Amino acid sequence: MANVLEVTEETFQDEVLSAQKPVLVDFSAVWCGPCKMIEPIVEQIAKDWAEHLKVVRLDVDTSPQLAINYQVMGVPTLMLFINGETKERLTGYQPKDRITDKLKPHLDGN
């Protein structure tokens, strides 16, 4: 998890919305089986794309208001933020190629 920063309601503004580069937010929960399955994929994306993308994890149980604000109805949910705006959303376990296919069009110019 070295490449994935944990964020909270207190740090979300600075780490995600005000970030200089695109941010992939992994909305997850410790009790969530599919979240544990996608975790190594998210960490690999964080490592592989470190120059172009910041990757953070947010626990919906410790930061429930953000989950409500962004209408996260299930976990895991991955959301790509660029300049504070949501550009992509993937809910549920996804294979790495499906995630990267969704991210690539937004990162090509970065």
PDB file of N, CA and C in Angstrom:
ATOM      1  N   MET A   1       0.819  -1.189   0.000  1.00  0.00           N
ATOM      2  CA  MET A   1       0.000   0.000   0.000  1.00  0.00           C
ATOM      3  C   MET A   1       0.868   1.261   0.000  1.00  0.00           C
ATOM      4  N   ALA A   2       2.118   1.131  -0.294  1.00  0.00           N
ATOM      5  CA  ALA A   2       3.050   2.250  -0.232  1.00  0.00           C
ATOM      6  C   ALA A   2       2.689   3.375  -1.197  1.00  0.00           C
ATOM      7  N   ASN A   3       2.099   3.040  -2.340  1.00  0.00           N
ATOM      8  CA  ASN A   3       1.774   4.046  -3.340  1.00  0.00           C
ATOM      9  C   ASN A   3       0.368   4.626  -3.184  1.00  0.00           C
ATOM     10  N   VAL A   4      -0.410   4.099  -2.253  1.00  0.00           N
ATOM     11  CA  VAL A   4      -1.800   4.518  -2.086  1.00  0.00           C
ATOM     12  C   VAL A   4      -1.953   5.230  -0.747  1.00  0.00           C
ATOM     13  N   LEU A   5      -2.283   6.501  -0.819  1.00  0.00           N
ATOM     14  CA  LEU A   5      -2.460   7.325   0.369  1.00  0.00           C
ATOM     15  C   LEU A   5      -3.872   7.161   0.911  1.00  0.00           C
ATOM     16  N   GLU A   6      -3.998   7.020   2.214  1.00  0.00           N
ATOM     17  CA  GLU A   6      -5.318   6.972   2.847  1.00  0.00           C
ATOM     18  C   GLU A   6      -5.804   8.412   3.046  1.00  0.00           C
ATOM     19  N   VAL A   7      -7.027   8.710   2.601  1.00  0.00           N
ATOM     20  CA  VAL A   7      -7.595  10.041   2.799  1.00  0.00           C
ATOM     21  C   VAL A   7      -8.854   9.942   3.651  1.00  0.00           C
ATOM     22  N   THR A   8      -9.214  11.069   4.246  1.00  0.00           N
ATOM     23  CA  THR A   8     -10.396  11.163   5.103  1.00  0.00           C
ATOM     24  C   THR A   8     -11.194  12.392   4.682  1.00  0.00           C
ATOM     25  N   GLU A   9     -12.300  12.608   5.353  1.00  0.00           N
ATOM     26  CA  GLU A   9     -13.092  13.808   5.081  1.00  0.00           C
ATOM     27  C   GLU A   9     -12.265  15.067   5.313  1.00  0.00           C
ATOM     28  N   GLU A  10     -11.339  15.010   6.258  1.00  0.00           N
ATOM     29  CA  GLU A  10     -10.509  16.178   6.588  1.00  0.00           C
ATOM     30  C   GLU A  10      -9.450  16.457   5.516  1.00  0.00           C
ATOM     31  N   THR A  11      -8.953  15.428   4.842  1.00  0.00           N
ATOM     32  CA  THR A  11      -7.870  15.612   3.877  1.00  0.00           C
ATOM     33  C   THR A  11      -8.326  15.550   2.422  1.00  0.00           C
ATOM     34  N   PHE A  12      -9.573  15.216   2.180  1.00  0.00           N
ATOM     35  CA  PHE A  12     -10.080  15.012   0.816  1.00  0.00           C
ATOM     36  C   PHE A  12      -9.927  16.251  -0.058  1.00  0.00           C
ATOM     37  N   GLN A  13     -10.257  17.407   0.476  1.00  0.00           N
ATOM     38  CA  GLN A  13     -10.161  18.654  -0.307  1.00  0.00           C
ATOM     39  C   GLN A  13      -8.734  18.860  -0.821  1.00  0.00           C
ATOM     40  N   ASP A  14      -7.757  18.780   0.079  1.00  0.00           N
ATOM     41  CA  ASP A  14      -6.365  19.022  -0.310  1.00  0.00           C
ATOM     42  C   ASP A  14      -5.800  17.916  -1.196  1.00  0.00           C
ATOM     43  N   GLU A  15      -6.065  16.671  -0.836  1.00  0.00           N
ATOM     44  CA  GLU A  15      -5.441  15.542  -1.527  1.00  0.00           C
ATOM     45  C   GLU A  15      -6.109  15.179  -2.852  1.00  0.00           C
ATOM     46  N   VAL A  16      -7.408  15.474  -2.973  1.00  0.00           N
ATOM     47  CA  VAL A  16      -8.144  15.056  -4.177  1.00  0.00           C
ATOM     48  C   VAL A  16      -8.624  16.263  -4.986  1.00  0.00           C
ATOM     49  N   LEU A  17      -9.462  17.081  -4.400  1.00  0.00           N
ATOM     50  CA  LEU A  17     -10.099  18.158  -5.159  1.00  0.00           C
ATOM     51  C   LEU A  17      -9.125  19.248  -5.589  1.00  0.00           C
ATOM     52  N   SER A  18      -8.089  19.494  -4.800  1.00  0.00           N
ATOM     53  CA  SER A  18      -7.113  20.542  -5.127  1.00  0.00           C
ATOM     54  C   SER A  18      -5.833  19.984  -5.745  1.00  0.00           C
ATOM     55  N   ALA A  19      -5.806  18.700  -6.033  1.00  0.00           N
ATOM     56  CA  ALA A  19      -4.596  18.062  -6.563  1.00  0.00           C
ATOM     57  C   ALA A  19      -4.233  18.617  -7.939  1.00  0.00           C
ATOM     58  N   GLN A  20      -2.946  18.682  -8.199  1.00  0.00           N
ATOM     59  CA  GLN A  20      -2.442  19.198  -9.467  1.00  0.00           C
ATOM     60  C   GLN A  20      -2.564  18.184 -10.605  1.00  0.00           C
ATOM     61  N   LYS A  21      -2.582  16.898 -10.267  1.00  0.00           N
ATOM     62  CA  LYS A  21      -2.727  15.894 -11.312  1.00  0.00           C
ATOM     63  C   LYS A  21      -3.977  15.065 -11.041  1.00  0.00           C
ATOM     64  N   PRO A  22      -4.414  14.275 -12.010  1.00  0.00           N
ATOM     65  CA  PRO A  22      -5.605  13.442 -11.802  1.00  0.00           C
ATOM     66  C   PRO A  22      -5.455  12.540 -10.580  1.00  0.00           C
ATOM     67  N   VAL A  23      -6.576  12.271  -9.923  1.00  0.00           N
ATOM     68  CA  VAL A  23      -6.584  11.440  -8.718  1.00  0.00           C
ATOM     69  C   VAL A  23      -7.619  10.332  -8.878  1.00  0.00           C
ATOM     70  N   LEU A  24      -7.177   9.099  -8.668  1.00  0.00           N
ATOM     71  CA  LEU A  24      -8.074   7.958  -8.634  1.00  0.00           C
ATOM     72  C   LEU A  24      -8.382   7.676  -7.171  1.00  0.00           C
ATOM     73  N   VAL A  25      -9.668   7.755  -6.810  1.00  0.00           N
ATOM     74  CA  VAL A  25     -10.084   7.501  -5.431  1.00  0.00           C
ATOM     75  C   VAL A  25     -10.728   6.120  -5.367  1.00  0.00           C
ATOM     76  N   ASP A  26     -10.207   5.295  -4.473  1.00  0.00           N
ATOM     77  CA  ASP A  26     -10.748   3.965  -4.223  1.00  0.00           C
ATOM     78  C   ASP A  26     -11.616   4.065  -2.967  1.00  0.00           C
ATOM     79  N   PHE A  27     -12.940   4.158  -3.175  1.00  0.00           N
ATOM     80  CA  PHE A  27     -13.880   4.145  -2.053  1.00  0.00           C
ATOM     81  C   PHE A  27     -14.036   2.685  -1.655  1.00  0.00           C
ATOM     82  N   SER A  28     -13.649   2.357  -0.412  1.00  0.00           N
ATOM     83  CA  SER A  28     -13.666   0.960   0.012  1.00  0.00           C
ATOM     84  C   SER A  28     -14.047   0.851   1.479  1.00  0.00           C
ATOM     85  N   ALA A  29     -14.048  -0.382   1.962  1.00  0.00           N
ATOM     86  CA  ALA A  29     -14.336  -0.658   3.376  1.00  0.00           C
ATOM     87  C   ALA A  29     -13.535  -1.886   3.788  1.00  0.00           C
ATOM     88  N   VAL A  30     -13.120  -1.925   5.042  1.00  0.00           N
ATOM     89  CA  VAL A  30     -12.274  -3.030   5.511  1.00  0.00           C
ATOM     90  C   VAL A  30     -12.993  -4.378   5.480  1.00  0.00           C
ATOM     91  N   TRP A  31     -14.312  -4.367   5.609  1.00  0.00           N
ATOM     92  CA  TRP A  31     -15.085  -5.608   5.650  1.00  0.00           C
ATOM     93  C   TRP A  31     -15.462  -6.128   4.266  1.00  0.00           C
ATOM     94  N   CYS A  32     -15.110  -5.401   3.219  1.00  0.00           N
ATOM     95  CA  CYS A  32     -15.574  -5.668   1.857  1.00  0.00           C
ATOM     96  C   CYS A  32     -14.655  -6.644   1.131  1.00  0.00           C
ATOM     97  N   GLY A  33     -15.174  -7.812   0.789  1.00  0.00           N
ATOM     98  CA  GLY A  33     -14.396  -8.824   0.069  1.00  0.00           C
ATOM     99  C   GLY A  33     -13.909  -8.356  -1.296  1.00  0.00           C
ATOM    100  N   PRO A  34     -14.797  -7.823  -2.156  1.00  0.00           N
ATOM    101  CA  PRO A  34     -14.341  -7.332  -3.457  1.00  0.00           C
ATOM    102  C   PRO A  34     -13.319  -6.191  -3.339  1.00  0.00           C
ATOM    103  N   CYS A  35     -13.399  -5.407  -2.254  1.00  0.00           N
ATOM    104  CA  CYS A  35     -12.414  -4.338  -2.038  1.00  0.00           C
ATOM    105  C   CYS A  35     -11.031  -4.943  -1.833  1.00  0.00           C
ATOM    106  N   LYS A  36     -10.968  -6.041  -1.088  1.00  0.00           N
ATOM    107  CA  LYS A  36      -9.693  -6.715  -0.849  1.00  0.00           C
ATOM    108  C   LYS A  36      -9.153  -7.324  -2.144  1.00  0.00           C
ATOM    109  N   MET A  37     -10.076  -7.777  -3.010  1.00  0.00           N
ATOM    110  CA  MET A  37      -9.662  -8.362  -4.285  1.00  0.00           C
ATOM    111  C   MET A  37      -9.102  -7.302  -5.236  1.00  0.00           C
ATOM    112  N   ILE A  38      -9.667  -6.105  -5.212  1.00  0.00           N
ATOM    113  CA  ILE A  38      -9.240  -5.057  -6.138  1.00  0.00           C
ATOM    114  C   ILE A  38      -8.027  -4.286  -5.611  1.00  0.00           C
ATOM    115  N   GLU A  39      -7.764  -4.410  -4.310  1.00  0.00           N
ATOM    116  CA  GLU A  39      -6.676  -3.656  -3.690  1.00  0.00           C
ATOM    117  C   GLU A  39      -5.324  -3.832  -4.396  1.00  0.00           C
ATOM    118  N   PRO A  40      -4.883  -5.067  -4.704  1.00  0.00           N
ATOM    119  CA  PRO A  40      -3.590  -5.201  -5.385  1.00  0.00           C
ATOM    120  C   PRO A  40      -3.588  -4.571  -6.786  1.00  0.00           C
ATOM    121  N   ILE A  41      -4.736  -4.576  -7.451  1.00  0.00           N
ATOM    122  CA  ILE A  41      -4.840  -3.959  -8.777  1.00  0.00           C
ATOM    123  C   ILE A  41      -4.679  -2.454  -8.651  1.00  0.00           C
ATOM    124  N   VAL A  42      -5.366  -1.860  -7.681  1.00  0.00           N
ATOM    125  CA  VAL A  42      -5.279  -0.417  -7.454  1.00  0.00           C
ATOM    126  C   VAL A  42      -3.836  -0.040  -7.094  1.00  0.00           C
ATOM    127  N   GLU A  43      -3.201  -0.843  -6.273  1.00  0.00           N
ATOM    128  CA  GLU A  43      -1.819  -0.562  -5.889  1.00  0.00           C
ATOM    129  C   GLU A  43      -0.870  -0.674  -7.082  1.00  0.00           C
ATOM    130  N   GLN A  44      -1.131  -1.631  -7.973  1.00  0.00           N
ATOM    131  CA  GLN A  44      -0.298  -1.768  -9.168  1.00  0.00           C
ATOM    132  C   GLN A  44      -0.488  -0.569 -10.101  1.00  0.00           C
ATOM    133  N   ILE A  45      -1.717  -0.107 -10.246  1.00  0.00           N
ATOM    134  CA  ILE A  45      -1.983   1.093 -11.057  1.00  0.00           C
ATOM    135  C   ILE A  45      -1.258   2.290 -10.447  1.00  0.00           C
ATOM    136  N   ALA A  46      -1.304   2.416  -9.130  1.00  0.00           N
ATOM    137  CA  ALA A  46      -0.618   3.527  -8.451  1.00  0.00           C
ATOM    138  C   ALA A  46       0.876   3.489  -8.748  1.00  0.00           C
ATOM    139  N   LYS A  47       1.445   2.300  -8.761  1.00  0.00           N
ATOM    140  CA  LYS A  47       2.885   2.150  -9.017  1.00  0.00           C
ATOM    141  C   LYS A  47       3.205   2.420 -10.491  1.00  0.00           C
ATOM    142  N   ASP A  48       2.434   1.805 -11.384  1.00  0.00           N
ATOM    143  CA  ASP A  48       2.710   1.906 -12.817  1.00  0.00           C
ATOM    144  C   ASP A  48       2.487   3.316 -13.365  1.00  0.00           C
ATOM    145  N   TRP A  49       1.523   4.022 -12.824  1.00  0.00           N
ATOM    146  CA  TRP A  49       1.114   5.311 -13.377  1.00  0.00           C
ATOM    147  C   TRP A  49       1.469   6.475 -12.458  1.00  0.00           C
ATOM    148  N   ALA A  50       2.430   6.286 -11.591  1.00  0.00           N
ATOM    149  CA  ALA A  50       2.762   7.291 -10.571  1.00  0.00           C
ATOM    150  C   ALA A  50       3.073   8.669 -11.157  1.00  0.00           C
ATOM    151  N   GLU A  51       3.635   8.717 -12.344  1.00  0.00           N
ATOM    152  CA  GLU A  51       3.973  10.008 -12.949  1.00  0.00           C
ATOM    153  C   GLU A  51       2.746  10.777 -13.410  1.00  0.00           C
ATOM    154  N   HIS A  52       1.678  10.065 -13.739  1.00  0.00           N
ATOM    155  CA  HIS A  52       0.499  10.683 -14.345  1.00  0.00           C
ATOM    156  C   HIS A  52      -0.713  10.746 -13.437  1.00  0.00           C
ATOM    157  N   LEU A  53      -0.694   9.972 -12.359  1.00  0.00           N
ATOM    158  CA  LEU A  53      -1.899   9.763 -11.581  1.00  0.00           C
ATOM    159  C   LEU A  53      -1.572   9.592 -10.098  1.00  0.00           C
ATOM    160  N   LYS A  54      -2.352  10.235  -9.271  1.00  0.00           N
ATOM    161  CA  LYS A  54      -2.265  10.041  -7.816  1.00  0.00           C
ATOM    162  C   LYS A  54      -3.385   9.074  -7.440  1.00  0.00           C
ATOM    163  N   VAL A  55      -3.091   8.115  -6.586  1.00  0.00           N
ATOM    164  CA  VAL A  55      -4.092   7.137  -6.174  1.00  0.00           C
ATOM    165  C   VAL A  55      -4.258   7.206  -4.661  1.00  0.00           C
ATOM    166  N   VAL A  56      -5.529   7.315  -4.226  1.00  0.00           N
ATOM    167  CA  VAL A  56      -5.830   7.391  -2.798  1.00  0.00           C
ATOM    168  C   VAL A  56      -6.952   6.413  -2.463  1.00  0.00           C
ATOM    169  N   ARG A  57      -7.014   6.077  -1.203  1.00  0.00           N
ATOM    170  CA  ARG A  57      -8.071   5.179  -0.716  1.00  0.00           C
ATOM    171  C   ARG A  57      -8.857   5.896   0.363  1.00  0.00           C
ATOM    172  N   LEU A  58     -10.176   5.729   0.323  1.00  0.00           N
ATOM    173  CA  LEU A  58     -11.050   6.337   1.314  1.00  0.00           C
ATOM    174  C   LEU A  58     -11.961   5.262   1.896  1.00  0.00           C
ATOM    175  N   ASP A  59     -11.938   5.115   3.204  1.00  0.00           N
ATOM    176  CA  ASP A  59     -12.791   4.148   3.892  1.00  0.00           C
ATOM    177  C   ASP A  59     -14.166   4.784   4.094  1.00  0.00           C
ATOM    178  N   VAL A  60     -15.189   4.182   3.486  1.00  0.00           N
ATOM    179  CA  VAL A  60     -16.533   4.770   3.554  1.00  0.00           C
ATOM    180  C   VAL A  60     -17.126   4.704   4.960  1.00  0.00           C
ATOM    181  N   ASP A  61     -16.607   3.819   5.793  1.00  0.00           N
ATOM    182  CA  ASP A  61     -17.112   3.732   7.165  1.00  0.00           C
ATOM    183  C   ASP A  61     -16.565   4.853   8.049  1.00  0.00           C
ATOM    184  N   THR A  62     -15.340   5.283   7.787  1.00  0.00           N
ATOM    185  CA  THR A  62     -14.762   6.358   8.590  1.00  0.00           C
ATOM    186  C   THR A  62     -15.017   7.736   7.979  1.00  0.00           C
ATOM    187  N   SER A  63     -15.413   7.776   6.701  1.00  0.00           N
ATOM    188  CA  SER A  63     -15.738   9.045   6.034  1.00  0.00           C
ATOM    189  C   SER A  63     -17.070   8.907   5.289  1.00  0.00           C
ATOM    190  N   PRO A  64     -18.157   8.649   6.034  1.00  0.00           N
ATOM    191  CA  PRO A  64     -19.442   8.375   5.369  1.00  0.00           C
ATOM    192  C   PRO A  64     -20.018   9.568   4.609  1.00  0.00           C
ATOM    193  N   GLN A  65     -19.733  10.781   5.044  1.00  0.00           N
ATOM    194  CA  GLN A  65     -20.315  11.937   4.365  1.00  0.00           C
ATOM    195  C   GLN A  65     -19.814  12.059   2.925  1.00  0.00           C
ATOM    196  N   LEU A  66     -18.550  11.729   2.690  1.00  0.00           N
ATOM    197  CA  LEU A  66     -18.027  11.771   1.324  1.00  0.00           C
ATOM    198  C   LEU A  66     -18.685  10.708   0.450  1.00  0.00           C
ATOM    199  N   ALA A  67     -18.935   9.540   1.008  1.00  0.00           N
ATOM    200  CA  ALA A  67     -19.627   8.493   0.260  1.00  0.00           C
ATOM    201  C   ALA A  67     -21.031   8.971  -0.130  1.00  0.00           C
ATOM    202  N   ILE A  68     -21.694   9.652   0.772  1.00  0.00           N
ATOM    203  CA  ILE A  68     -23.025  10.202   0.489  1.00  0.00           C
ATOM    204  C   ILE A  68     -22.925  11.300  -0.568  1.00  0.00           C
ATOM    205  N   ASN A  69     -21.986  12.221  -0.388  1.00  0.00           N
ATOM    206  CA  ASN A  69     -21.828  13.344  -1.317  1.00  0.00           C
ATOM    207  C   ASN A  69     -21.584  12.882  -2.750  1.00  0.00           C
ATOM    208  N   TYR A  70     -20.829  11.805  -2.909  1.00  0.00           N
ATOM    209  CA  TYR A  70     -20.498  11.314  -4.244  1.00  0.00           C
ATOM    210  C   TYR A  70     -21.352  10.122  -4.659  1.00  0.00           C
ATOM    211  N   GLN A  71     -22.441   9.894  -3.930  1.00  0.00           N
ATOM    212  CA  GLN A  71     -23.429   8.863  -4.256  1.00  0.00           C
ATOM    213  C   GLN A  71     -22.796   7.491  -4.456  1.00  0.00           C
ATOM    214  N   VAL A  72     -21.894   7.150  -3.546  1.00  0.00           N
ATOM    215  CA  VAL A  72     -21.274   5.832  -3.568  1.00  0.00           C
ATOM    216  C   VAL A  72     -22.246   4.869  -2.884  1.00  0.00           C
ATOM    217  N   MET A  73     -22.892   4.040  -3.693  1.00  0.00           N
ATOM    218  CA  MET A  73     -23.915   3.126  -3.189  1.00  0.00           C
ATOM    219  C   MET A  73     -23.372   1.728  -2.917  1.00  0.00           C
ATOM    220  N   GLY A  74     -22.187   1.444  -3.445  1.00  0.00           N
ATOM    221  CA  GLY A  74     -21.573   0.147  -3.238  1.00  0.00           C
ATOM    222  C   GLY A  74     -20.061   0.282  -3.276  1.00  0.00           C
ATOM    223  N   VAL A  75     -19.398  -0.641  -2.627  1.00  0.00           N
ATOM    224  CA  VAL A  75     -17.938  -0.639  -2.625  1.00  0.00           C
ATOM    225  C   VAL A  75     -17.450  -1.965  -3.180  1.00  0.00           C
ATOM    226  N   PRO A  76     -16.317  -1.974  -3.848  1.00  0.00           N
ATOM    227  CA  PRO A  76     -15.476  -0.819  -4.153  1.00  0.00           C
ATOM    228  C   PRO A  76     -16.074   0.044  -5.260  1.00  0.00           C
ATOM    229  N   THR A  77     -15.832   1.341  -5.159  1.00  0.00           N
ATOM    230  CA  THR A  77     -16.128   2.279  -6.234  1.00  0.00           C
ATOM    231  C   THR A  77     -14.853   3.067  -6.502  1.00  0.00           C
ATOM    232  N   LEU A  78     -14.441   3.079  -7.749  1.00  0.00           N
ATOM    233  CA  LEU A  78     -13.284   3.861  -8.161  1.00  0.00           C
ATOM    234  C   LEU A  78     -13.794   5.089  -8.897  1.00  0.00           C
ATOM    235  N   MET A  79     -13.297   6.249  -8.510  1.00  0.00           N
ATOM    236  CA  MET A  79     -13.681   7.485  -9.177  1.00  0.00           C
ATOM    237  C   MET A  79     -12.429   8.256  -9.554  1.00  0.00           C
ATOM    238  N   LEU A  80     -12.411   8.736 -10.797  1.00  0.00           N
ATOM    239  CA  LEU A  80     -11.301   9.541 -11.285  1.00  0.00           C
ATOM    240  C   LEU A  80     -11.696  11.009 -11.206  1.00  0.00           C
ATOM    241  N   PHE A  81     -10.895  11.780 -10.487  1.00  0.00           N
ATOM    242  CA  PHE A  81     -11.112  13.221 -10.348  1.00  0.00           C
ATOM    243  C   PHE A  81     -10.024  13.955 -11.121  1.00  0.00           C
ATOM    244  N   ILE A  82     -10.439  14.927 -11.932  1.00  0.00           N
ATOM    245  CA  ILE A  82      -9.498  15.803 -12.624  1.00  0.00           C
ATOM    246  C   ILE A  82      -9.961  17.233 -12.371  1.00  0.00           C
ATOM    247  N   ASN A  83      -9.057  18.037 -11.810  1.00  0.00           N
ATOM    248  CA  ASN A  83      -9.384  19.423 -11.445  1.00  0.00           C
ATOM    249  C   ASN A  83     -10.624  19.497 -10.565  1.00  0.00           C
ATOM    250  N   GLY A  84     -10.760  18.543  -9.641  1.00  0.00           N
ATOM    251  CA  GLY A  84     -11.856  18.545  -8.692  1.00  0.00           C
ATOM    252  C   GLY A  84     -13.170  18.007  -9.216  1.00  0.00           C
ATOM    253  N   GLU A  85     -13.213  17.581 -10.473  1.00  0.00           N
ATOM    254  CA  GLU A  85     -14.443  17.056 -11.065  1.00  0.00           C
ATOM    255  C   GLU A  85     -14.328  15.561 -11.320  1.00  0.00           C
ATOM    256  N   THR A  86     -15.449  14.854 -11.137  1.00  0.00           N
ATOM    257  CA  THR A  86     -15.490  13.426 -11.406  1.00  0.00           C
ATOM    258  C   THR A  86     -15.551  13.196 -12.913  1.00  0.00           C
ATOM    259  N   LYS A  87     -14.619  12.403 -13.417  1.00  0.00           N
ATOM    260  CA  LYS A  87     -14.569  12.116 -14.858  1.00  0.00           C
ATOM    261  C   LYS A  87     -14.945  10.672 -15.186  1.00  0.00           C
ATOM    262  N   GLU A  88     -14.704   9.753 -14.268  1.00  0.00           N
ATOM    263  CA  GLU A  88     -15.047   8.336 -14.469  1.00  0.00           C
ATOM    264  C   GLU A  88     -15.474   7.734 -13.149  1.00  0.00           C
ATOM    265  N   ARG A  89     -16.294   6.682 -13.236  1.00  0.00           N
ATOM    266  CA  ARG A  89     -16.741   5.936 -12.054  1.00  0.00           C
ATOM    267  C   ARG A  89     -16.879   4.471 -12.440  1.00  0.00           C
ATOM    268  N   LEU A  90     -16.280   3.607 -11.635  1.00  0.00           N
ATOM    269  CA  LEU A  90     -16.421   2.162 -11.808  1.00  0.00           C
ATOM    270  C   LEU A  90     -16.826   1.588 -10.460  1.00  0.00           C
ATOM    271  N   THR A  91     -17.874   0.795 -10.452  1.00  0.00           N
ATOM    272  CA  THR A  91     -18.350   0.215  -9.197  1.00  0.00           C
ATOM    273  C   THR A  91     -18.226  -1.300  -9.261  1.00  0.00           C
ATOM    274  N   GLY A  92     -17.792  -1.892  -8.150  1.00  0.00           N
ATOM    275  CA  GLY A  92     -17.625  -3.332  -8.075  1.00  0.00           C
ATOM    276  C   GLY A  92     -16.238  -3.747  -8.531  1.00  0.00           C
ATOM    277  N   TYR A  93     -15.938  -5.009  -8.342  1.00  0.00           N
ATOM    278  CA  TYR A  93     -14.633  -5.526  -8.760  1.00  0.00           C
ATOM    279  C   TYR A  93     -14.499  -5.381 -10.268  1.00  0.00           C
ATOM    280  N   GLN A  94     -13.359  -4.895 -10.705  1.00  0.00           N
ATOM    281  CA  GLN A  94     -13.061  -4.746 -12.133  1.00  0.00           C
ATOM    282  C   GLN A  94     -11.660  -5.296 -12.391  1.00  0.00           C
ATOM    283  N   PRO A  95     -11.458  -5.971 -13.513  1.00  0.00           N
ATOM    284  CA  PRO A  95     -10.101  -6.388 -13.855  1.00  0.00           C
ATOM    285  C   PRO A  95      -9.259  -5.168 -14.222  1.00  0.00           C
ATOM    286  N   LYS A  96      -7.958  -5.306 -14.098  1.00  0.00           N
ATOM    287  CA  LYS A  96      -7.046  -4.183 -14.320  1.00  0.00           C
ATOM    288  C   LYS A  96      -7.225  -3.560 -15.700  1.00  0.00           C
ATOM    289  N   ASP A  97      -7.363  -4.374 -16.744  1.00  0.00           N
ATOM    290  CA  ASP A  97      -7.469  -3.813 -18.088  1.00  0.00           C
ATOM    291  C   ASP A  97      -8.726  -2.968 -18.264  1.00  0.00           C
ATOM    292  N   ARG A  98      -9.807  -3.326 -17.618  1.00  0.00           N
ATOM    293  CA  ARG A  98     -11.035  -2.535 -17.711  1.00  0.00           C
ATOM    294  C   ARG A  98     -10.840  -1.180 -17.024  1.00  0.00           C
ATOM    295  N   ILE A  99     -10.156  -1.194 -15.886  1.00  0.00           N
ATOM    296  CA  ILE A  99      -9.897   0.063 -15.167  1.00  0.00           C
ATOM    297  C   ILE A  99      -8.988   0.955 -15.998  1.00  0.00           C
ATOM    298  N   THR A 100      -7.895   0.398 -16.493  1.00  0.00           N
ATOM    299  CA  THR A 100      -6.951   1.223 -17.251  1.00  0.00           C
ATOM    300  C   THR A 100      -7.566   1.717 -18.557  1.00  0.00           C
ATOM    301  N   ASP A 101      -8.426   0.925 -19.184  1.00  0.00           N
ATOM    302  CA  ASP A 101      -9.099   1.384 -20.403  1.00  0.00           C
ATOM    303  C   ASP A 101      -9.974   2.608 -20.130  1.00  0.00           C
ATOM    304  N   LYS A 102     -10.568   2.673 -18.957  1.00  0.00           N
ATOM    305  CA  LYS A 102     -11.396   3.825 -18.586  1.00  0.00           C
ATOM    306  C   LYS A 102     -10.538   5.044 -18.244  1.00  0.00           C
ATOM    307  N   LEU A 103      -9.350   4.819 -17.694  1.00  0.00           N
ATOM    308  CA  LEU A 103      -8.490   5.914 -17.283  1.00  0.00           C
ATOM    309  C   LEU A 103      -7.706   6.530 -18.434  1.00  0.00           C
ATOM    310  N   LYS A 104      -7.230   5.695 -19.342  1.00  0.00           N
ATOM    311  CA  LYS A 104      -6.320   6.145 -20.402  1.00  0.00           C
ATOM    312  C   LYS A 104      -6.786   7.381 -21.168  1.00  0.00           C
ATOM    313  N   PRO A 105      -8.032   7.459 -21.613  1.00  0.00           N
ATOM    314  CA  PRO A 105      -8.438   8.644 -22.393  1.00  0.00           C
ATOM    315  C   PRO A 105      -8.273   9.956 -21.617  1.00  0.00           C
ATOM    316  N   HIS A 106      -8.354   9.886 -20.319  1.00  0.00           N
ATOM    317  CA  HIS A 106      -8.239  11.093 -19.484  1.00  0.00           C
ATOM    318  C   HIS A 106      -6.791  11.442 -19.151  1.00  0.00           C
ATOM    319  N   LEU A 107      -5.896  10.479 -19.316  1.00  0.00           N
ATOM    320  CA  LEU A 107      -4.510  10.682 -18.909  1.00  0.00           C
ATOM    321  C   LEU A 107      -3.551  10.857 -20.065  1.00  0.00           C
ATOM    322  N   ASP A 108      -4.007  10.637 -21.276  1.00  0.00           N
ATOM    323  CA  ASP A 108      -3.112  10.728 -22.431  1.00  0.00           C
ATOM    324  C   ASP A 108      -2.448  12.088 -22.561  1.00  0.00           C
ATOM    325  N   GLY A 109      -3.165  13.135 -22.212  1.00  0.00           N
ATOM    326  CA  GLY A 109      -2.609  14.476 -22.348  1.00  0.00           C
ATOM    327  C   GLY A 109      -1.736  14.889 -21.183  1.00  0.00           C
ATOM    328  N   ASN A 110      -1.625  14.037 -20.152  1.00  0.00           N
ATOM    329  CA  ASN A 110      -0.887  14.413 -18.943  1.00  0.00           C
ATOM    330  C   ASN A 110       0.504  13.852 -18.932  1.00  0.00           C
TER     331      ASN A 110
END
